[in-house]
Amino acid sequence: MLTYTLLRFLLFVVPFLLLTAVGADLLVALVVAGFFSAIVSVFLLSRQRDAVSTALITRTERAKAKAAERAAAEDAWDDAQRARTAGDTDPGQPGEQDTESS
């Protein structure tokens, strides 16, 4: 991922420095360097971009799996707490559900 970022940075900085060295206006140099880096990176950095996106997808899926595991553990703990406290409440206490209908 660092390789892609560094190459993308260089594709922006090199044209920007060249344009400013030639005497181009700062805004013009920024815009031209930005367009140049965007267009060239589409063609030259496709392999690196694919590698970065694959790495991000893998990392995201791993994070989702860990979050699901934590949620399941939390749900199990919560269910156990509710089951334990369900027998401890007196009739008429808040949280006690009335099973009879009037």
PDB file of N, CA and C in Angstrom:
ATOM      1  N   MET A   1       0.831  -1.187   0.000  1.00  0.00           N
ATOM      2  CA  MET A   1       0.000   0.000   0.000  1.00  0.00           C
ATOM      3  C   MET A   1       0.874   1.248   0.000  1.00  0.00           C
ATOM      4  N   LEU A   2       1.986   1.181   0.690  1.00  0.00           N
ATOM      5  CA  LEU A   2       2.892   2.322   0.738  1.00  0.00           C
ATOM      6  C   LEU A   2       3.500   2.599  -0.631  1.00  0.00           C
ATOM      7  N   THR A   3       3.744   1.537  -1.403  1.00  0.00           N
ATOM      8  CA  THR A   3       4.308   1.707  -2.741  1.00  0.00           C
ATOM      9  C   THR A   3       3.370   2.513  -3.622  1.00  0.00           C
ATOM     10  N   TYR A   4       2.093   2.165  -3.596  1.00  0.00           N
ATOM     11  CA  TYR A   4       1.117   2.885  -4.413  1.00  0.00           C
ATOM     12  C   TYR A   4       1.045   4.351  -4.002  1.00  0.00           C
ATOM     13  N   THR A   5       1.008   4.602  -2.714  1.00  0.00           N
ATOM     14  CA  THR A   5       0.918   5.972  -2.219  1.00  0.00           C
ATOM     15  C   THR A   5       2.148   6.778  -2.625  1.00  0.00           C
ATOM     16  N   LEU A   6       3.317   6.169  -2.484  1.00  0.00           N
ATOM     17  CA  LEU A   6       4.550   6.866  -2.848  1.00  0.00           C
ATOM     18  C   LEU A   6       4.610   7.157  -4.346  1.00  0.00           C
ATOM     19  N   LEU A   7       4.252   6.172  -5.159  1.00  0.00           N
ATOM     20  CA  LEU A   7       4.254   6.395  -6.610  1.00  0.00           C
ATOM     21  C   LEU A   7       3.240   7.463  -7.014  1.00  0.00           C
ATOM     22  N   ARG A   8       2.091   7.425  -6.405  1.00  0.00           N
ATOM     23  CA  ARG A   8       1.065   8.426  -6.712  1.00  0.00           C
ATOM     24  C   ARG A   8       1.536   9.819  -6.310  1.00  0.00           C
ATOM     25  N   PHE A   9       2.199   9.907  -5.166  1.00  0.00           N
ATOM     26  CA  PHE A   9       2.753  11.180  -4.700  1.00  0.00           C
ATOM     27  C   PHE A   9       3.808  11.699  -5.684  1.00  0.00           C
ATOM     28  N   LEU A  10       4.679  10.799  -6.124  1.00  0.00           N
ATOM     29  CA  LEU A  10       5.715  11.207  -7.084  1.00  0.00           C
ATOM     30  C   LEU A  10       5.117  11.644  -8.412  1.00  0.00           C
ATOM     31  N   LEU A  11       4.054  10.982  -8.839  1.00  0.00           N
ATOM     32  CA  LEU A  11       3.399  11.376 -10.092  1.00  0.00           C
ATOM     33  C   LEU A  11       2.776  12.767  -9.993  1.00  0.00           C
ATOM     34  N   PHE A  12       2.547  13.243  -8.794  1.00  0.00           N
ATOM     35  CA  PHE A  12       2.033  14.597  -8.610  1.00  0.00           C
ATOM     36  C   PHE A  12       3.172  15.593  -8.413  1.00  0.00           C
ATOM     37  N   VAL A  13       4.129  15.234  -7.570  1.00  0.00           N
ATOM     38  CA  VAL A  13       5.180  16.182  -7.188  1.00  0.00           C
ATOM     39  C   VAL A  13       6.121  16.507  -8.344  1.00  0.00           C
ATOM     40  N   VAL A  14       6.533  15.504  -9.105  1.00  0.00           N
ATOM     41  CA  VAL A  14       7.492  15.744 -10.183  1.00  0.00           C
ATOM     42  C   VAL A  14       6.953  16.736 -11.212  1.00  0.00           C
ATOM     43  N   PRO A  15       5.759  16.540 -11.757  1.00  0.00           N
ATOM     44  CA  PRO A  15       5.256  17.545 -12.703  1.00  0.00           C
ATOM     45  C   PRO A  15       5.038  18.913 -12.047  1.00  0.00           C
ATOM     46  N   PHE A  16       4.613  18.909 -10.787  1.00  0.00           N
ATOM     47  CA  PHE A  16       4.404  20.178 -10.094  1.00  0.00           C
ATOM     48  C   PHE A  16       5.714  20.948  -9.973  1.00  0.00           C
ATOM     49  N   LEU A  17       6.773  20.260  -9.560  1.00  0.00           N
ATOM     50  CA  LEU A  17       8.068  20.922  -9.439  1.00  0.00           C
ATOM     51  C   LEU A  17       8.606  21.384 -10.791  1.00  0.00           C
ATOM     52  N   LEU A  18       8.425  20.575 -11.813  1.00  0.00           N
ATOM     53  CA  LEU A  18       8.873  20.971 -13.150  1.00  0.00           C
ATOM     54  C   LEU A  18       8.127  22.212 -13.638  1.00  0.00           C
ATOM     55  N   LEU A  19       6.825  22.236 -13.431  1.00  0.00           N
ATOM     56  CA  LEU A  19       6.035  23.381 -13.878  1.00  0.00           C
ATOM     57  C   LEU A  19       6.393  24.651 -13.106  1.00  0.00           C
ATOM     58  N   THR A  20       6.597  24.525 -11.808  1.00  0.00           N
ATOM     59  CA  THR A  20       6.970  25.714 -11.041  1.00  0.00           C
ATOM     60  C   THR A  20       8.384  26.167 -11.377  1.00  0.00           C
ATOM     61  N   ALA A  21       9.271  25.221 -11.721  1.00  0.00           N
ATOM     62  CA  ALA A  21      10.640  25.590 -12.117  1.00  0.00           C
ATOM     63  C   ALA A  21      10.640  26.334 -13.441  1.00  0.00           C
ATOM     64  N   VAL A  22       9.694  26.001 -14.310  1.00  0.00           N
ATOM     65  CA  VAL A  22       9.598  26.661 -15.610  1.00  0.00           C
ATOM     66  C   VAL A  22       8.965  28.047 -15.461  1.00  0.00           C
ATOM     67  N   GLY A  23       8.304  28.276 -14.328  1.00  0.00           N
ATOM     68  CA  GLY A  23       7.722  29.587 -14.086  1.00  0.00           C
ATOM     69  C   GLY A  23       6.205  29.630 -14.210  1.00  0.00           C
ATOM     70  N   ALA A  24       5.573  28.470 -14.191  1.00  0.00           N
ATOM     71  CA  ALA A  24       4.111  28.439 -14.283  1.00  0.00           C
ATOM     72  C   ALA A  24       3.509  28.983 -12.987  1.00  0.00           C
ATOM     73  N   ASP A  25       2.327  29.533 -13.106  1.00  0.00           N
ATOM     74  CA  ASP A  25       1.581  30.033 -11.948  1.00  0.00           C
ATOM     75  C   ASP A  25       1.319  28.867 -10.992  1.00  0.00           C
ATOM     76  N   LEU A  26       1.292  29.143  -9.698  1.00  0.00           N
ATOM     77  CA  LEU A  26       1.135  28.098  -8.685  1.00  0.00           C
ATOM     78  C   LEU A  26      -0.172  27.325  -8.862  1.00  0.00           C
ATOM     79  N   LEU A  27      -1.269  28.036  -9.086  1.00  0.00           N
ATOM     80  CA  LEU A  27      -2.559  27.376  -9.268  1.00  0.00           C
ATOM     81  C   LEU A  27      -2.570  26.516 -10.522  1.00  0.00           C
ATOM     82  N   VAL A  28      -2.014  27.032 -11.587  1.00  0.00           N
ATOM     83  CA  VAL A  28      -1.945  26.277 -12.839  1.00  0.00           C
ATOM     84  C   VAL A  28      -1.089  25.022 -12.642  1.00  0.00           C
ATOM     85  N   ALA A  29       0.031  25.159 -11.947  1.00  0.00           N
ATOM     86  CA  ALA A  29       0.903  24.010 -11.692  1.00  0.00           C
ATOM     87  C   ALA A  29       0.178  22.955 -10.866  1.00  0.00           C
ATOM     88  N   LEU A  30      -0.579  23.374  -9.859  1.00  0.00           N
ATOM     89  CA  LEU A  30      -1.338  22.432  -9.031  1.00  0.00           C
ATOM     90  C   LEU A  30      -2.382  21.678  -9.849  1.00  0.00           C
ATOM     91  N   VAL A  31      -3.128  22.407 -10.654  1.00  0.00           N
ATOM     92  CA  VAL A  31      -4.197  21.784 -11.445  1.00  0.00           C
ATOM     93  C   VAL A  31      -3.619  20.835 -12.487  1.00  0.00           C
ATOM     94  N   VAL A  32      -2.616  21.274 -13.215  1.00  0.00           N
ATOM     95  CA  VAL A  32      -2.022  20.433 -14.258  1.00  0.00           C
ATOM     96  C   VAL A  32      -1.370  19.200 -13.636  1.00  0.00           C
ATOM     97  N   ALA A  33      -0.652  19.369 -12.550  1.00  0.00           N
ATOM     98  CA  ALA A  33      -0.018  18.226 -11.892  1.00  0.00           C
ATOM     99  C   ALA A  33      -1.071  17.258 -11.360  1.00  0.00           C
ATOM    100  N   GLY A  34      -2.175  17.780 -10.855  1.00  0.00           N
ATOM    101  CA  GLY A  34      -3.250  16.914 -10.369  1.00  0.00           C
ATOM    102  C   GLY A  34      -3.876  16.097 -11.486  1.00  0.00           C
ATOM    103  N   PHE A  35      -4.186  16.757 -12.601  1.00  0.00           N
ATOM    104  CA  PHE A  35      -4.752  16.028 -13.745  1.00  0.00           C
ATOM    105  C   PHE A  35      -3.756  15.017 -14.292  1.00  0.00           C
ATOM    106  N   PHE A  36      -2.498  15.426 -14.412  1.00  0.00           N
ATOM    107  CA  PHE A  36      -1.472  14.526 -14.922  1.00  0.00           C
ATOM    108  C   PHE A  36      -1.356  13.284 -14.048  1.00  0.00           C
ATOM    109  N   SER A  37      -1.272  13.473 -12.740  1.00  0.00           N
ATOM    110  CA  SER A  37      -1.111  12.323 -11.852  1.00  0.00           C
ATOM    111  C   SER A  37      -2.333  11.416 -11.877  1.00  0.00           C
ATOM    112  N   ALA A  38      -3.513  12.003 -11.990  1.00  0.00           N
ATOM    113  CA  ALA A  38      -4.736  11.190 -12.034  1.00  0.00           C
ATOM    114  C   ALA A  38      -4.791  10.349 -13.306  1.00  0.00           C
ATOM    115  N   ILE A  39      -4.515  10.974 -14.437  1.00  0.00           N
ATOM    116  CA  ILE A  39      -4.614  10.265 -15.719  1.00  0.00           C
ATOM    117  C   ILE A  39      -3.521   9.215 -15.846  1.00  0.00           C
ATOM    118  N   VAL A  40      -2.305   9.570 -15.523  1.00  0.00           N
ATOM    119  CA  VAL A  40      -1.200   8.629 -15.665  1.00  0.00           C
ATOM    120  C   VAL A  40      -1.341   7.469 -14.685  1.00  0.00           C
ATOM    121  N   SER A  41      -1.810   7.730 -13.466  1.00  0.00           N
ATOM    122  CA  SER A  41      -1.934   6.649 -12.487  1.00  0.00           C
ATOM    123  C   SER A  41      -2.989   5.627 -12.894  1.00  0.00           C
ATOM    124  N   VAL A  42      -3.991   6.041 -13.650  1.00  0.00           N
ATOM    125  CA  VAL A  42      -5.003   5.096 -14.127  1.00  0.00           C
ATOM    126  C   VAL A  42      -4.349   4.029 -14.996  1.00  0.00           C
ATOM    127  N   PHE A  43      -3.404   4.443 -15.815  1.00  0.00           N
ATOM    128  CA  PHE A  43      -2.775   3.497 -16.739  1.00  0.00           C
ATOM    129  C   PHE A  43      -1.542   2.821 -16.157  1.00  0.00           C
ATOM    130  N   LEU A  44      -0.704   3.572 -15.469  1.00  0.00           N
ATOM    131  CA  LEU A  44       0.561   3.013 -15.007  1.00  0.00           C
ATOM    132  C   LEU A  44       0.480   2.276 -13.670  1.00  0.00           C
ATOM    133  N   LEU A  45      -0.459   2.631 -12.840  1.00  0.00           N
ATOM    134  CA  LEU A  45      -0.505   2.065 -11.491  1.00  0.00           C
ATOM    135  C   LEU A  45      -1.675   1.107 -11.269  1.00  0.00           C
ATOM    136  N   SER A  46      -2.203   0.536 -12.320  1.00  0.00           N
ATOM    137  CA  SER A  46      -3.373  -0.340 -12.157  1.00  0.00           C
ATOM    138  C   SER A  46      -3.039  -1.580 -11.329  1.00  0.00           C
ATOM    139  N   ARG A  47      -1.859  -2.168 -11.518  1.00  0.00           N
ATOM    140  CA  ARG A  47      -1.488  -3.361 -10.760  1.00  0.00           C
ATOM    141  C   ARG A  47      -1.371  -3.029  -9.267  1.00  0.00           C
ATOM    142  N   GLN A  48      -0.725  -1.911  -8.952  1.00  0.00           N
ATOM    143  CA  GLN A  48      -0.578  -1.519  -7.554  1.00  0.00           C
ATOM    144  C   GLN A  48      -1.921  -1.159  -6.936  1.00  0.00           C
ATOM    145  N   ARG A  49      -2.779  -0.500  -7.719  1.00  0.00           N
ATOM    146  CA  ARG A  49      -4.105  -0.130  -7.219  1.00  0.00           C
ATOM    147  C   ARG A  49      -4.935  -1.377  -6.920  1.00  0.00           C
ATOM    148  N   ASP A  50      -4.832  -2.390  -7.784  1.00  0.00           N
ATOM    149  CA  ASP A  50      -5.546  -3.651  -7.544  1.00  0.00           C
ATOM    150  C   ASP A  50      -5.034  -4.336  -6.282  1.00  0.00           C
ATOM    151  N   ALA A  51      -3.728  -4.292  -6.063  1.00  0.00           N
ATOM    152  CA  ALA A  51      -3.152  -4.896  -4.865  1.00  0.00           C
ATOM    153  C   ALA A  51      -3.633  -4.167  -3.612  1.00  0.00           C
ATOM    154  N   VAL A  52      -3.707  -2.845  -3.676  1.00  0.00           N
ATOM    155  CA  VAL A  52      -4.180  -2.055  -2.535  1.00  0.00           C
ATOM    156  C   VAL A  52      -5.649  -2.365  -2.256  1.00  0.00           C
ATOM    157  N   SER A  53      -6.451  -2.439  -3.288  1.00  0.00           N
ATOM    158  CA  SER A  53      -7.873  -2.709  -3.069  1.00  0.00           C
ATOM    159  C   SER A  53      -8.084  -4.118  -2.513  1.00  0.00           C
ATOM    160  N   THR A  54      -7.303  -5.085  -2.964  1.00  0.00           N
ATOM    161  CA  THR A  54      -7.402  -6.437  -2.419  1.00  0.00           C
ATOM    162  C   THR A  54      -7.019  -6.456  -0.950  1.00  0.00           C
ATOM    163  N   ALA A  55      -5.946  -5.742  -0.607  1.00  0.00           N
ATOM    164  CA  ALA A  55      -5.516  -5.679   0.788  1.00  0.00           C
ATOM    165  C   ALA A  55      -6.582  -5.007   1.654  1.00  0.00           C
ATOM    166  N   LEU A  56      -7.203  -3.955   1.146  1.00  0.00           N
ATOM    167  CA  LEU A  56      -8.249  -3.268   1.912  1.00  0.00           C
ATOM    168  C   LEU A  56      -9.481  -4.146   2.095  1.00  0.00           C
ATOM    169  N   ILE A  57      -9.839  -4.891   1.068  1.00  0.00           N
ATOM    170  CA  ILE A  57     -10.988  -5.794   1.174  1.00  0.00           C
ATOM    171  C   ILE A  57     -10.714  -6.874   2.207  1.00  0.00           C
ATOM    172  N   THR A  58      -9.508  -7.440   2.179  1.00  0.00           N
ATOM    173  CA  THR A  58      -9.135  -8.474   3.150  1.00  0.00           C
ATOM    174  C   THR A  58      -9.182  -7.925   4.570  1.00  0.00           C
ATOM    175  N   ARG A  59      -8.623  -6.723   4.750  1.00  0.00           N
ATOM    176  CA  ARG A  59      -8.616  -6.107   6.076  1.00  0.00           C
ATOM    177  C   ARG A  59     -10.036  -5.825   6.552  1.00  0.00           C
ATOM    178  N   THR A  60     -10.894  -5.358   5.660  1.00  0.00           N
ATOM    179  CA  THR A  60     -12.277  -5.061   6.015  1.00  0.00           C
ATOM    180  C   THR A  60     -13.034  -6.324   6.399  1.00  0.00           C
ATOM    181  N   GLU A  61     -12.843  -7.396   5.638  1.00  0.00           N
ATOM    182  CA  GLU A  61     -13.518  -8.653   5.956  1.00  0.00           C
ATOM    183  C   GLU A  61     -13.053  -9.206   7.293  1.00  0.00           C
ATOM    184  N   ARG A  62     -11.753  -9.083   7.579  1.00  0.00           N
ATOM    185  CA  ARG A  62     -11.224  -9.533   8.867  1.00  0.00           C
ATOM    186  C   ARG A  62     -11.834  -8.721  10.008  1.00  0.00           C
ATOM    187  N   ALA A  63     -11.954  -7.414   9.816  1.00  0.00           N
ATOM    188  CA  ALA A  63     -12.534  -6.549  10.851  1.00  0.00           C
ATOM    189  C   ALA A  63     -14.009  -6.874  11.062  1.00  0.00           C
ATOM    190  N   LYS A  64     -14.728  -7.145   9.979  1.00  0.00           N
ATOM    191  CA  LYS A  64     -16.140  -7.520  10.108  1.00  0.00           C
ATOM    192  C   LYS A  64     -16.292  -8.840  10.861  1.00  0.00           C
ATOM    193  N   ALA A  65     -15.422  -9.797  10.589  1.00  0.00           N
ATOM    194  CA  ALA A  65     -15.488 -11.087  11.277  1.00  0.00           C
ATOM    195  C   ALA A  65     -15.217 -10.908  12.767  1.00  0.00           C
ATOM    196  N   LYS A  66     -14.227 -10.090  13.115  1.00  0.00           N
ATOM    197  CA  LYS A  66     -13.933  -9.847  14.538  1.00  0.00           C
ATOM    198  C   LYS A  66     -15.105  -9.142  15.214  1.00  0.00           C
ATOM    199  N   ALA A  67     -15.720  -8.185  14.517  1.00  0.00           N
ATOM    200  CA  ALA A  67     -16.865  -7.480  15.086  1.00  0.00           C
ATOM    201  C   ALA A  67     -18.032  -8.440  15.306  1.00  0.00           C
ATOM    202  N   ALA A  68     -18.246  -9.363  14.369  1.00  0.00           N
ATOM    203  CA  ALA A  68     -19.327 -10.343  14.520  1.00  0.00           C
ATOM    204  C   ALA A  68     -19.050 -11.273  15.698  1.00  0.00           C
ATOM    205  N   GLU A  69     -17.785 -11.664  15.875  1.00  0.00           N
ATOM    206  CA  GLU A  69     -17.429 -12.511  17.019  1.00  0.00           C
ATOM    207  C   GLU A  69     -17.672 -11.775  18.335  1.00  0.00           C
ATOM    208  N   ARG A  70     -17.264 -10.512  18.397  1.00  0.00           N
ATOM    209  CA  ARG A  70     -17.479  -9.732  19.615  1.00  0.00           C
ATOM    210  C   ARG A  70     -18.966  -9.538  19.887  1.00  0.00           C
ATOM    211  N   ALA A  71     -19.744  -9.305  18.835  1.00  0.00           N
ATOM    212  CA  ALA A  71     -21.182  -9.121  19.014  1.00  0.00           C
ATOM    213  C   ALA A  71     -21.835 -10.412  19.512  1.00  0.00           C
ATOM    214  N   ALA A  72     -21.402 -11.544  18.980  1.00  0.00           N
ATOM    215  CA  ALA A  72     -21.952 -12.827  19.425  1.00  0.00           C
ATOM    216  C   ALA A  72     -21.595 -13.085  20.888  1.00  0.00           C
ATOM    217  N   ALA A  73     -20.352 -12.773  21.263  1.00  0.00           N
ATOM    218  CA  ALA A  73     -19.945 -12.961  22.660  1.00  0.00           C
ATOM    219  C   ALA A  73     -20.740 -12.032  23.577  1.00  0.00           C
ATOM    220  N   GLU A  74     -20.951 -10.805  23.139  1.00  0.00           N
ATOM    221  CA  GLU A  74     -21.726  -9.857  23.941  1.00  0.00           C
ATOM    222  C   GLU A  74     -23.174 -10.317  24.064  1.00  0.00           C
ATOM    223  N   ASP A  75     -23.744 -10.806  22.979  1.00  0.00           N
ATOM    224  CA  ASP A  75     -25.115 -11.308  23.024  1.00  0.00           C
ATOM    225  C   ASP A  75     -25.240 -12.496  23.970  1.00  0.00           C
ATOM    226  N   ALA A  76     -24.256 -13.389  23.925  1.00  0.00           N
ATOM    227  CA  ALA A  76     -24.288 -14.553  24.820  1.00  0.00           C
ATOM    228  C   ALA A  76     -24.191 -14.106  26.274  1.00  0.00           C
ATOM    229  N   TRP A  77     -23.298 -13.164  26.556  1.00  0.00           N
ATOM    230  CA  TRP A  77     -23.166 -12.653  27.922  1.00  0.00           C
ATOM    231  C   TRP A  77     -24.459 -11.979  28.370  1.00  0.00           C
ATOM    232  N   ASP A  78     -25.056 -11.173  27.496  1.00  0.00           N
ATOM    233  CA  ASP A  78     -26.298 -10.480  27.823  1.00  0.00           C
ATOM    234  C   ASP A  78     -27.428 -11.467  28.076  1.00  0.00           C
ATOM    235  N   ASP A  79     -27.522 -12.497  27.236  1.00  0.00           N
ATOM    236  CA  ASP A  79     -28.558 -13.519  27.437  1.00  0.00           C
ATOM    237  C   ASP A  79     -28.363 -14.236  28.767  1.00  0.00           C
ATOM    238  N   ALA A  80     -27.114 -14.533  29.108  1.00  0.00           N
ATOM    239  CA  ALA A  80     -26.840 -15.201  30.381  1.00  0.00           C
ATOM    240  C   ALA A  80     -27.213 -14.298  31.560  1.00  0.00           C
ATOM    241  N   GLN A  81     -26.915 -13.009  31.463  1.00  0.00           N
ATOM    242  CA  GLN A  81     -27.263 -12.070  32.527  1.00  0.00           C
ATOM    243  C   GLN A  81     -28.771 -11.950  32.678  1.00  0.00           C
ATOM    244  N   ARG A  82     -29.466 -11.894  31.572  1.00  0.00           N
ATOM    245  CA  ARG A  82     -30.927 -11.787  31.618  1.00  0.00           C
ATOM    246  C   ARG A  82     -31.546 -13.058  32.213  1.00  0.00           C
ATOM    247  N   ALA A  83     -31.005 -14.205  31.835  1.00  0.00           N
ATOM    248  CA  ALA A  83     -31.529 -15.473  32.359  1.00  0.00           C
ATOM    249  C   ALA A  83     -31.258 -15.570  33.853  1.00  0.00           C
ATOM    250  N   ARG A  84     -30.111 -15.103  34.307  1.00  0.00           N
ATOM    251  CA  ARG A  84     -29.766 -15.160  35.718  1.00  0.00           C
ATOM    252  C   ARG A  84     -30.635 -14.220  36.537  1.00  0.00           C
ATOM    253  N   THR A  85     -30.875 -13.011  36.018  1.00  0.00           N
ATOM    254  CA  THR A  85     -31.656 -12.032  36.776  1.00  0.00           C
ATOM    255  C   THR A  85     -33.150 -12.243  36.628  1.00  0.00           C
ATOM    256  N   ALA A  86     -33.583 -13.047  35.684  1.00  0.00           N
ATOM    257  CA  ALA A  86     -35.021 -13.273  35.504  1.00  0.00           C
ATOM    258  C   ALA A  86     -35.611 -13.988  36.722  1.00  0.00           C
ATOM    259  N   GLY A  87     -34.877 -14.869  37.345  1.00  0.00           N
ATOM    260  CA  GLY A  87     -35.370 -15.576  38.526  1.00  0.00           C
ATOM    261  C   GLY A  87     -35.215 -14.776  39.804  1.00  0.00           C
ATOM    262  N   ASP A  88     -34.450 -13.714  39.807  1.00  0.00           N
ATOM    263  CA  ASP A  88     -34.188 -12.917  40.997  1.00  0.00           C
ATOM    264  C   ASP A  88     -35.223 -11.829  41.240  1.00  0.00           C
ATOM    265  N   THR A  89     -36.051 -11.494  40.269  1.00  0.00           N
ATOM    266  CA  THR A  89     -36.984 -10.375  40.428  1.00  0.00           C
ATOM    267  C   THR A  89     -38.258 -10.829  41.109  1.00  0.00           C
ATOM    268  N   ASP A  90     -38.837  -9.946  41.923  1.00  0.00           N
ATOM    269  CA  ASP A  90     -40.109 -10.209  42.585  1.00  0.00           C
ATOM    270  C   ASP A  90     -41.243  -9.827  41.647  1.00  0.00           C
ATOM    271  N   PRO A  91     -42.414 -10.427  41.822  1.00  0.00           N
ATOM    272  CA  PRO A  91     -43.547 -10.016  40.989  1.00  0.00           C
ATOM    273  C   PRO A  91     -43.847  -8.542  41.213  1.00  0.00           C
ATOM    274  N   GLY A  92     -44.101  -7.850  40.133  1.00  0.00           N
ATOM    275  CA  GLY A  92     -44.425  -6.434  40.218  1.00  0.00           C
ATOM    276  C   GLY A  92     -43.211  -5.530  40.100  1.00  0.00           C
ATOM    277  N   GLN A  93     -42.021  -6.095  40.067  1.00  0.00           N
ATOM    278  CA  GLN A  93     -40.819  -5.296  39.912  1.00  0.00           C
ATOM    279  C   GLN A  93     -40.690  -4.834  38.457  1.00  0.00           C
ATOM    280  N   PRO A  94     -40.072  -3.672  38.245  1.00  0.00           N
ATOM    281  CA  PRO A  94     -39.849  -3.234  36.860  1.00  0.00           C
ATOM    282  C   PRO A  94     -38.992  -4.275  36.118  1.00  0.00           C
ATOM    283  N   GLY A  95     -39.329  -4.484  34.878  1.00  0.00           N
ATOM    284  CA  GLY A  95     -38.604  -5.458  34.085  1.00  0.00           C
ATOM    285  C   GLY A  95     -39.304  -6.811  34.058  1.00  0.00           C
ATOM    286  N   GLU A  96     -40.202  -7.033  34.997  1.00  0.00           N
ATOM    287  CA  GLU A  96     -40.952  -8.281  35.048  1.00  0.00           C
ATOM    288  C   GLU A  96     -42.094  -8.174  34.052  1.00  0.00           C
ATOM    289  N   GLN A  97     -42.216  -9.135  33.197  1.00  0.00           N
ATOM    290  CA  GLN A  97     -43.281  -9.107  32.213  1.00  0.00           C
ATOM    291  C   GLN A  97     -44.479  -9.888  32.747  1.00  0.00           C
ATOM    292  N   ASP A  98     -45.636  -9.297  32.582  1.00  0.00           N
ATOM    293  CA  ASP A  98     -46.881  -9.942  32.999  1.00  0.00           C
ATOM    294  C   ASP A  98     -47.332 -10.852  31.871  1.00  0.00           C
ATOM    295  N   THR A  99     -47.434 -12.139  32.126  1.00  0.00           N
ATOM    296  CA  THR A  99     -47.825 -13.073  31.081  1.00  0.00           C
ATOM    297  C   THR A  99     -49.322 -13.260  31.011  1.00  0.00           C
ATOM    298  N   GLU A 100     -50.069 -12.757  32.017  1.00  0.00           N
ATOM    299  CA  GLU A 100     -51.525 -12.872  31.980  1.00  0.00           C
ATOM    300  C   GLU A 100     -52.083 -11.669  31.240  1.00  0.00           C
ATOM    301  N   SER A 101     -53.111 -11.905  30.456  1.00  0.00           N
ATOM    302  CA  SER A 101     -53.741 -10.792  29.772  1.00  0.00           C
ATOM    303  C   SER A 101     -55.097 -10.512  30.431  1.00  0.00           C
ATOM    304  N   SER A 102     -55.462  -9.248  30.509  1.00  0.00           N
ATOM    305  CA  SER A 102     -56.705  -8.866  31.198  1.00  0.00           C
ATOM    306  C   SER A 102     -57.867  -8.888  30.270  1.00  0.00           C
TER     307      SER A 102
END
